[in-house]
């Protein structure tokens, strides 16, 4: 019996393969061939979740009161921890009952927000490059993506002056993310003020992804959208426990901000899921309450890796500056190679996995993203393999040579 009649919905057929799923396939094949992979592809932190967080989860798991369905809006304790964290970090006051909502990871919330607010044909402004769910979520919802191409000459910031008035008047939502994935760019406070003024003028919902709020270095302090006067009237901000607290597999995040926008997302989620296991929310609460000494250790770990890899890549011909935040380096492909070709060459010739920039949209072409998710010993091995394979950055074609 032919099963050709089993056809996914057009919203699924329109989506290209998810880049990290494709990377997993290539990594599996490489391992089958005996390659010792140094995986710097996904933003998947290495190391264990903090002991205090694990202990809190174990204790909560032993409590039978946590074994039933959790509240749709999340536990009161976790919501209070979220709003207390925001006040402590940014001086932002939030109502834990209506302006904070726990999520099954920020990716889930960012995608579902599009389903909650985007009608077929609605215009959604999305930077390119950007975290894939920022544009894939609206595409799944039937939205019309207007790409805001980011440029290195503008420090990878959105140039609001290049958005035509006709587009701005039609736009319903603007997704953005600073500190930025994948470029590691940061935005000054006046940029946030400008984007709030722009969105208020054109009546556009702002969706800010602040997943790298605490991975900041050398005294730099990222800005929260909600610090800006008037931002909470039109915007929400997403956060994740994955990066700072090594909790990627726990799938815990949250959104804060405008209560009306959050209520729309909550209504959608009540029809699709039952929320986060209460024991995990107890663990996440503990994470948000960890002392600053833990955060300083995390920042030191990533800044040490950043310094080491920037120096090593610059010795191979790149001209990279030290990033101020995130767990990534965003480096240009050697001249004459696109993102995919360069990433495949690295995988095949050195066993080092990076993410091609075009996985983050057309604006990411000719770059690759390197995640700082290995210790300096492994990063040193990666650099050694580059040297052995003759991999350098050149301003002219003829990139790879073999020794």
Protein backbone atom coordinates (compact mmCIF):
# COMPACT_ATOMS: atom_id res chain seq x y z
CA UNK A 1 0.00 0.00 0.00
CA UNK A 2 1.40 3.37 -0.99
CA UNK A 3 1.57 6.00 1.74
CA UNK A 4 2.20 8.91 -0.61
CA UNK A 5 -1.04 10.47 0.56
CA UNK A 6 0.45 11.09 4.02
CA UNK A 7 1.68 14.63 3.42
CA UNK A 8 2.71 17.14 6.11
CA UNK A 9 1.01 20.51 6.24
CA UNK A 10 2.43 23.20 3.98
CA UNK A 11 3.79 25.04 7.01
CA UNK A 12 6.10 22.08 7.61
CA UNK A 13 6.98 21.56 3.97
CA UNK A 14 8.11 25.18 3.69
CA UNK A 15 10.70 24.73 6.43
CA UNK A 16 14.24 23.71 5.46
CA UNK A 17 15.95 21.13 7.64
CA UNK A 18 16.73 22.51 11.08
CA UNK A 19 20.48 23.30 10.94
CA UNK A 20 21.40 21.66 14.22
CA UNK A 21 19.51 18.49 13.30
CA UNK A 22 21.52 18.38 10.06
CA UNK A 23 24.71 18.96 12.04
CA UNK A 24 23.85 15.99 14.25
CA UNK A 25 23.57 13.78 11.14
CA UNK A 26 26.98 14.90 9.88
CA UNK A 27 28.55 14.41 13.31
CA UNK A 28 27.15 10.88 13.54
CA UNK A 29 28.64 9.97 10.17
CA UNK A 30 32.00 11.48 11.13
CA UNK A 31 32.09 9.48 14.36
CA UNK A 32 31.24 6.32 12.45
CA UNK A 33 34.35 7.03 10.37
CA UNK A 34 36.44 7.16 13.54
CA UNK A 35 36.96 10.92 13.77
CA UNK A 36 37.64 12.41 17.21
CA UNK A 37 35.23 15.33 17.00
CA UNK A 38 35.74 18.61 18.79
CA UNK A 39 32.16 19.82 18.79
CA UNK A 40 31.95 23.61 18.88
CA UNK A 41 28.66 23.70 16.99
CA UNK A 42 25.62 24.03 19.23
CA UNK A 43 25.40 26.46 22.13
CA UNK A 44 25.26 23.50 24.51
CA UNK A 45 27.25 24.37 27.65
CA UNK A 46 29.77 21.81 28.86
CA UNK A 47 30.02 20.86 32.48
CA UNK A 48 27.51 19.96 35.15
CA UNK A 49 24.53 21.84 36.48
CA UNK A 50 25.45 23.47 39.83
CA UNK A 51 25.24 21.07 42.77
CA UNK A 52 22.78 23.27 44.66
CA UNK A 53 20.40 23.17 41.69
CA UNK A 54 20.65 19.39 41.37
CA UNK A 55 20.09 18.97 45.12
CA UNK A 56 17.02 21.19 44.97
CA UNK A 57 15.62 19.08 42.14
CA UNK A 58 16.21 15.87 44.09
CA UNK A 59 14.47 17.21 47.17
CA UNK A 60 11.55 18.50 45.10
CA UNK A 61 11.33 15.18 43.28
CA UNK A 62 10.88 13.39 46.61
CA UNK A 63 7.91 15.60 47.45
CA UNK A 64 4.74 13.87 46.18
CA UNK A 65 2.97 17.22 46.00
CA UNK A 66 5.12 17.96 42.95
CA UNK A 67 4.04 14.82 41.10
CA UNK A 68 0.75 16.12 39.76
CA UNK A 69 0.06 18.62 37.00
CA UNK A 70 1.80 21.93 37.68
CA UNK A 71 -0.15 25.20 37.57
CA UNK A 72 -0.54 26.47 33.99
CA UNK A 73 1.04 29.78 34.95
CA UNK A 74 3.94 28.13 36.79
CA UNK A 75 4.50 27.84 40.52
CA UNK A 76 4.21 30.98 42.59
CA UNK A 77 7.68 30.39 44.07
CA UNK A 78 9.37 30.26 40.68
CA UNK A 79 7.49 33.31 39.39
CA UNK A 80 8.50 35.25 42.48
CA UNK A 81 12.12 34.17 41.97
CA UNK A 82 11.96 35.42 38.38
CA UNK A 83 10.63 38.85 39.31
CA UNK A 84 13.05 39.16 42.25
CA UNK A 85 15.94 38.31 39.90
CA UNK A 86 14.82 41.03 37.47
CA UNK A 87 14.62 43.60 40.22
CA UNK A 88 18.03 42.61 41.57
CA UNK A 89 19.71 42.64 38.15
CA UNK A 90 17.96 45.53 36.39
CA UNK A 91 15.89 47.44 38.93
CA UNK A 92 12.75 46.41 37.01
CA UNK A 93 9.54 45.88 38.98
CA UNK A 94 7.28 43.09 37.70
CA UNK A 95 4.06 41.55 38.96
CA UNK A 96 4.75 37.82 39.43
CA UNK A 97 1.08 37.01 38.93
CA UNK A 98 0.66 38.58 35.51
CA UNK A 99 4.01 39.76 34.11
CA UNK A 100 6.06 36.55 34.35
CA UNK A 101 5.40 33.16 32.75
CA UNK A 102 7.61 30.05 32.99
CA UNK A 103 8.30 28.24 29.71
CA UNK A 104 9.55 24.86 28.50
CA UNK A 105 12.73 26.61 27.45
CA UNK A 106 12.83 30.01 25.74
CA UNK A 107 12.76 28.40 22.28
CA UNK A 108 9.32 26.98 22.97
CA UNK A 109 8.02 30.34 24.15
CA UNK A 110 9.51 32.32 21.28
CA UNK A 111 7.96 29.95 18.75
CA UNK A 112 4.58 29.77 20.45
CA UNK A 113 4.40 33.55 20.78
CA UNK A 114 4.26 33.70 16.99
CA UNK A 115 1.37 31.22 16.94
CA UNK A 116 -0.41 33.31 19.55
CA UNK A 117 -0.06 36.63 17.69
CA UNK A 118 0.80 36.16 14.02
CA UNK A 119 -2.01 35.74 11.50
CA UNK A 120 -1.31 34.50 7.95
CA UNK A 121 0.11 37.42 5.98
CA UNK A 122 1.14 39.50 9.00
CA UNK A 123 4.54 41.16 8.56
CA UNK A 124 7.16 40.20 11.12
CA UNK A 125 10.48 42.05 11.28
CA UNK A 126 13.38 39.70 11.98
CA UNK A 127 17.12 40.45 11.89
CA UNK A 128 19.30 38.28 9.69
CA UNK A 129 21.33 36.53 10.97
CA UNK A 130 19.35 35.54 14.03
CA UNK A 131 18.49 32.56 16.22
CA UNK A 132 16.43 30.33 13.89
CA UNK A 133 13.22 30.24 15.95
CA UNK A 134 12.95 34.02 15.58
CA UNK A 135 12.03 33.54 11.93
CA UNK A 136 10.91 29.91 11.86
CA UNK A 137 8.20 30.52 14.47
CA UNK A 138 6.53 33.28 12.43
CA UNK A 139 6.90 31.21 9.23
CA UNK A 140 5.09 28.30 10.88
CA UNK A 141 2.36 30.74 11.92
CA UNK A 142 1.97 31.91 8.31
CA UNK A 143 3.65 35.27 8.78
CA UNK A 144 5.51 37.23 6.12
CA UNK A 145 9.14 37.71 7.16
CA UNK A 146 10.83 41.02 6.40
CA UNK A 147 14.54 40.43 6.97
CA UNK A 148 16.62 43.17 8.55
CA UNK A 149 20.09 42.40 7.20
CA UNK A 150 22.73 43.08 9.84
CA UNK A 151 26.09 44.44 8.73
CA UNK A 152 29.52 44.29 10.38
CA UNK A 153 30.03 47.95 9.43
CA UNK A 154 27.15 48.78 11.78
CA UNK A 155 28.47 46.49 14.54
CA UNK A 156 25.69 44.00 13.69
CA UNK A 157 23.03 46.38 15.04
CA UNK A 158 19.62 46.77 13.41
CA UNK A 159 19.52 49.90 11.25
CA UNK A 160 16.00 51.16 11.89
CA UNK A 161 16.41 53.93 9.30
CA UNK A 162 16.51 51.33 6.51
CA UNK A 163 13.05 49.95 7.30
CA UNK A 164 10.63 51.51 4.78
CA UNK A 165 7.69 53.33 6.36
CA UNK A 166 5.26 51.16 4.40
CA UNK A 167 6.82 48.04 5.89
CA UNK A 168 6.91 49.49 9.40
CA UNK A 169 3.23 50.43 9.17
CA UNK A 170 2.32 46.84 8.24
CA UNK A 171 4.62 45.15 10.75
CA UNK A 172 3.07 43.48 13.76
CA UNK A 173 6.11 42.13 15.65
CA UNK A 174 9.84 42.80 15.76
CA UNK A 175 12.07 40.04 17.15
CA UNK A 176 15.57 41.02 18.28
CA UNK A 177 18.38 39.76 20.52
CA UNK A 178 21.28 41.57 22.25
CA UNK A 179 23.75 40.27 23.36
CA UNK A 180 23.34 38.58 20.02
CA UNK A 181 23.28 35.02 18.84
CA UNK A 182 25.07 34.29 16.52
CA UNK A 183 27.21 37.44 16.09
CA UNK A 184 28.02 38.07 19.79
CA UNK A 185 27.25 41.76 19.15
CA UNK A 186 26.11 43.96 22.00
CA UNK A 187 23.82 46.98 21.86
CA UNK A 188 24.18 50.23 23.82
CA UNK A 189 21.34 51.54 25.91
CA UNK A 190 20.52 54.28 23.40
CA UNK A 191 19.83 51.60 20.79
CA UNK A 192 17.16 50.14 23.07
CA UNK A 193 15.69 53.60 23.52
CA UNK A 194 15.56 54.07 19.75
CA UNK A 195 13.90 50.71 19.11
CA UNK A 196 11.26 51.37 21.78
CA UNK A 197 10.48 54.76 20.22
CA UNK A 198 10.30 53.16 16.77
CA UNK A 199 7.95 50.40 17.95
CA UNK A 200 5.67 52.78 19.83
CA UNK A 201 5.45 55.06 16.77
CA UNK A 202 4.46 52.20 14.44
CA UNK A 203 2.50 50.15 17.03
CA UNK A 204 4.77 47.10 16.78
CA UNK A 205 5.14 44.44 19.47
CA UNK A 206 8.74 44.06 20.62
CA UNK A 207 10.07 40.58 21.42
CA UNK A 208 13.54 40.70 22.96
CA UNK A 209 15.55 37.52 23.51
CA UNK A 210 17.87 38.09 26.50
CA UNK A 211 19.27 34.57 26.72
CA UNK A 212 22.83 35.77 27.29
CA UNK A 213 22.06 38.32 29.99
CA UNK A 214 24.70 37.05 32.40
CA UNK A 215 27.40 35.84 30.01
CA UNK A 216 29.08 39.24 29.88
CA UNK A 217 32.74 40.07 30.34
CA UNK A 218 35.25 42.77 31.24
CA UNK A 219 32.75 44.80 33.24
CA UNK A 220 30.14 44.98 30.50
CA UNK A 221 26.51 44.88 31.72
CA UNK A 222 23.82 44.04 29.13
CA UNK A 223 20.69 46.15 28.98
CA UNK A 224 17.24 44.71 29.60
CA UNK A 225 14.55 45.98 27.23
CA UNK A 226 12.32 46.43 30.26
CA UNK A 227 14.70 49.01 31.75
CA UNK A 228 13.63 51.43 29.01
CA UNK A 229 10.67 53.69 29.90
CA UNK A 230 7.58 52.65 27.95
CA UNK A 231 9.01 49.30 26.83
CA UNK A 232 6.72 47.24 29.03
CA UNK A 233 3.71 48.84 27.32
CA UNK A 234 4.61 47.13 24.03
CA UNK A 235 7.14 44.40 24.71
CA UNK A 236 8.21 41.19 26.37
CA UNK A 237 11.61 39.68 27.12
CA UNK A 238 12.63 36.02 27.06
CA UNK A 239 15.23 34.33 29.20
CA UNK A 240 16.60 30.82 29.58
CA UNK A 241 18.23 28.79 32.34
CA UNK A 242 20.22 26.84 29.75
CA UNK A 243 23.33 28.95 29.27
CA UNK A 244 24.37 30.52 32.56
CA UNK A 245 23.33 27.58 34.72
CA UNK A 246 24.29 24.63 32.47
CA UNK A 247 20.64 23.55 32.35
CA UNK A 248 20.14 23.14 28.59
CA UNK A 249 18.57 19.70 28.95
CA UNK A 250 16.26 20.73 31.78
CA UNK A 251 14.16 22.86 29.40
CA UNK A 252 13.30 25.78 31.64
CA UNK A 253 12.92 29.39 30.57
CA UNK A 254 10.57 32.29 31.13
CA UNK A 255 9.09 35.42 29.59
CA UNK A 256 8.42 38.71 31.36
CA UNK A 257 6.91 42.03 30.41
CA UNK A 258 3.57 43.22 29.07
CA UNK A 259 0.77 41.33 30.81
CA UNK A 260 -1.56 41.41 27.81
CA UNK A 261 1.04 39.85 25.49
CA UNK A 262 1.89 37.25 28.12
CA UNK A 263 -1.77 36.39 28.62
CA UNK A 264 -2.13 35.63 24.90
CA UNK A 265 0.85 33.27 25.07
CA UNK A 266 -0.48 31.68 28.26
CA UNK A 267 -3.86 31.07 26.61
CA UNK A 268 -2.18 29.27 23.71
CA UNK A 269 -0.02 27.20 26.03
CA UNK A 270 -2.97 26.08 28.15
CA UNK A 271 -4.26 24.43 24.98
CA UNK A 272 -0.95 22.77 24.08
CA UNK A 273 0.96 21.83 27.23
CA UNK A 274 0.72 21.55 31.02
CA UNK A 275 3.80 23.58 31.83
CA UNK A 276 7.08 22.64 33.50
CA UNK A 277 7.37 19.78 35.99
CA UNK A 278 7.15 21.47 39.41
CA UNK A 279 10.38 19.83 40.63
CA UNK A 280 12.27 21.50 37.78
CA UNK A 281 10.76 24.84 38.69
CA UNK A 282 12.06 24.41 42.23
CA UNK A 283 15.51 23.73 40.80
CA UNK A 284 15.31 26.77 38.51
CA UNK A 285 14.30 28.93 41.47
CA UNK A 286 17.45 27.80 43.27
CA UNK A 287 19.55 28.68 40.21
CA UNK A 288 18.21 32.24 40.10
CA UNK A 289 19.04 32.61 43.78
CA UNK A 290 22.68 31.46 43.50
CA UNK A 291 25.25 33.96 44.81
CA UNK A 292 27.12 36.26 42.46
CA UNK A 293 30.27 34.25 43.09
CA UNK A 294 28.83 31.48 40.91
CA UNK A 295 28.15 33.94 38.10
CA UNK A 296 31.70 35.29 38.34
CA UNK A 297 33.07 31.75 37.89
CA UNK A 298 30.96 31.24 34.76
CA UNK A 299 32.03 34.57 33.29
CA UNK A 300 35.68 33.81 34.01
CA UNK A 301 35.39 30.40 32.34
CA UNK A 302 34.02 31.82 29.11
CA UNK A 303 36.22 34.90 29.01
CA UNK A 304 39.32 32.70 29.42
CA UNK A 305 38.22 30.55 26.50
CA UNK A 306 37.38 33.64 24.45
CA UNK A 307 40.81 35.14 25.03
CA UNK A 308 42.58 31.89 24.17
CA UNK A 309 40.68 31.23 20.95
CA UNK A 310 40.71 34.83 19.71
CA UNK A 311 44.50 34.92 20.12
CA UNK A 312 44.92 31.56 18.41
CA UNK A 313 42.70 32.42 15.44
CA UNK A 314 44.37 35.79 15.01
CA UNK A 315 47.69 33.96 14.78
CA UNK A 316 46.15 32.09 11.83
CA UNK A 317 45.28 35.25 9.95
CA UNK A 318 41.95 36.37 11.36
CA UNK A 319 41.52 39.83 12.86
CA UNK A 320 39.07 39.24 15.68
CA UNK A 321 38.27 41.57 18.55
CA UNK A 322 37.38 40.27 21.98
CA UNK A 323 33.64 39.89 22.42
CA UNK A 324 31.86 41.54 25.32
CA UNK A 325 29.26 38.84 25.85
CA UNK A 326 27.75 35.45 24.86
CA UNK A 327 29.47 32.09 24.45
CA UNK A 328 30.29 32.51 20.75
CA UNK A 329 32.81 33.78 18.27
CA UNK A 330 31.53 34.90 14.87
CA UNK A 331 34.29 34.59 12.31
CA UNK A 332 34.40 35.21 8.56
CA UNK A 333 34.93 32.30 6.21
CA UNK A 334 38.15 32.46 4.20
CA UNK A 335 37.66 34.35 0.95
CA UNK A 336 36.30 32.11 -1.78
CA UNK A 337 34.32 29.82 0.52
CA UNK A 338 30.75 30.14 1.70
CA UNK A 339 29.62 29.22 5.19
CA UNK A 340 28.63 25.66 4.41
CA UNK A 341 31.78 24.84 2.45
CA UNK A 342 34.02 26.18 5.20
CA UNK A 343 32.15 24.34 7.97
CA UNK A 344 32.28 21.08 5.99
CA UNK A 345 36.00 21.51 5.31
CA UNK A 346 36.66 21.99 8.99
CA UNK A 347 34.64 18.90 9.86
CA UNK A 348 36.20 16.71 7.19
CA UNK A 349 39.81 17.87 7.52
CA UNK A 350 40.07 18.54 11.23
CA UNK A 351 37.09 16.97 13.00
CA UNK A 352 36.16 20.38 14.43
CA UNK A 353 32.44 21.16 14.30
CA UNK A 354 31.24 24.74 13.82
CA UNK A 355 27.89 26.12 12.66
CA UNK A 356 27.65 27.66 9.18
CA UNK A 357 26.40 31.22 9.42
CA UNK A 358 23.73 30.75 6.76
CA UNK A 359 21.91 28.48 9.24
CA UNK A 360 20.91 31.75 10.94
CA UNK A 361 19.52 33.30 7.74
CA UNK A 362 20.91 34.79 4.55
CA UNK A 363 22.54 37.60 6.51
CA UNK A 364 24.87 35.05 8.09
CA UNK A 365 26.44 33.88 4.83
CA UNK A 366 30.25 33.88 4.69
CA UNK A 367 30.57 33.50 8.46
CA UNK A 368 30.65 30.59 10.89
CA UNK A 369 29.79 30.52 14.58
CA UNK A 370 32.14 28.87 17.06
CA UNK A 371 30.77 27.98 20.50
CA UNK A 372 33.10 28.30 23.48
CA UNK A 373 31.88 25.02 24.94
CA UNK A 374 35.20 23.24 25.36
CA UNK A 375 38.07 23.86 27.75
CA UNK A 376 41.30 25.45 26.60
CA UNK A 377 42.97 22.05 26.24
CA UNK A 378 40.46 21.03 23.59
CA UNK A 379 40.49 24.47 22.01
CA UNK A 380 44.26 24.19 21.76
CA UNK A 381 43.84 20.83 20.03
CA UNK A 382 41.41 22.44 17.58
CA UNK A 383 43.93 25.16 16.77
CA UNK A 384 46.66 22.55 16.38
CA UNK A 385 44.51 20.66 13.88
CA UNK A 386 43.87 23.87 11.94
CA UNK A 387 47.61 24.45 11.67
CA UNK A 388 48.26 20.85 10.64
CA UNK A 389 45.62 21.11 7.91
CA UNK A 390 46.99 24.44 6.70
CA UNK A 391 43.81 26.30 7.57
CA UNK A 392 44.28 30.03 7.70
CA UNK A 393 42.28 33.14 6.91
CA UNK A 394 43.33 34.77 3.64
CA UNK A 395 42.14 37.95 1.96
CA UNK A 396 42.44 36.18 -1.39
CA UNK A 397 41.21 32.77 -2.62
CA UNK A 398 43.33 29.61 -2.26
CA UNK A 399 42.42 28.91 1.31
CA UNK A 400 43.39 25.38 2.17
CA UNK A 401 46.72 23.77 1.67
CA UNK A 402 47.77 20.35 2.86
CA UNK A 403 51.05 19.61 4.51
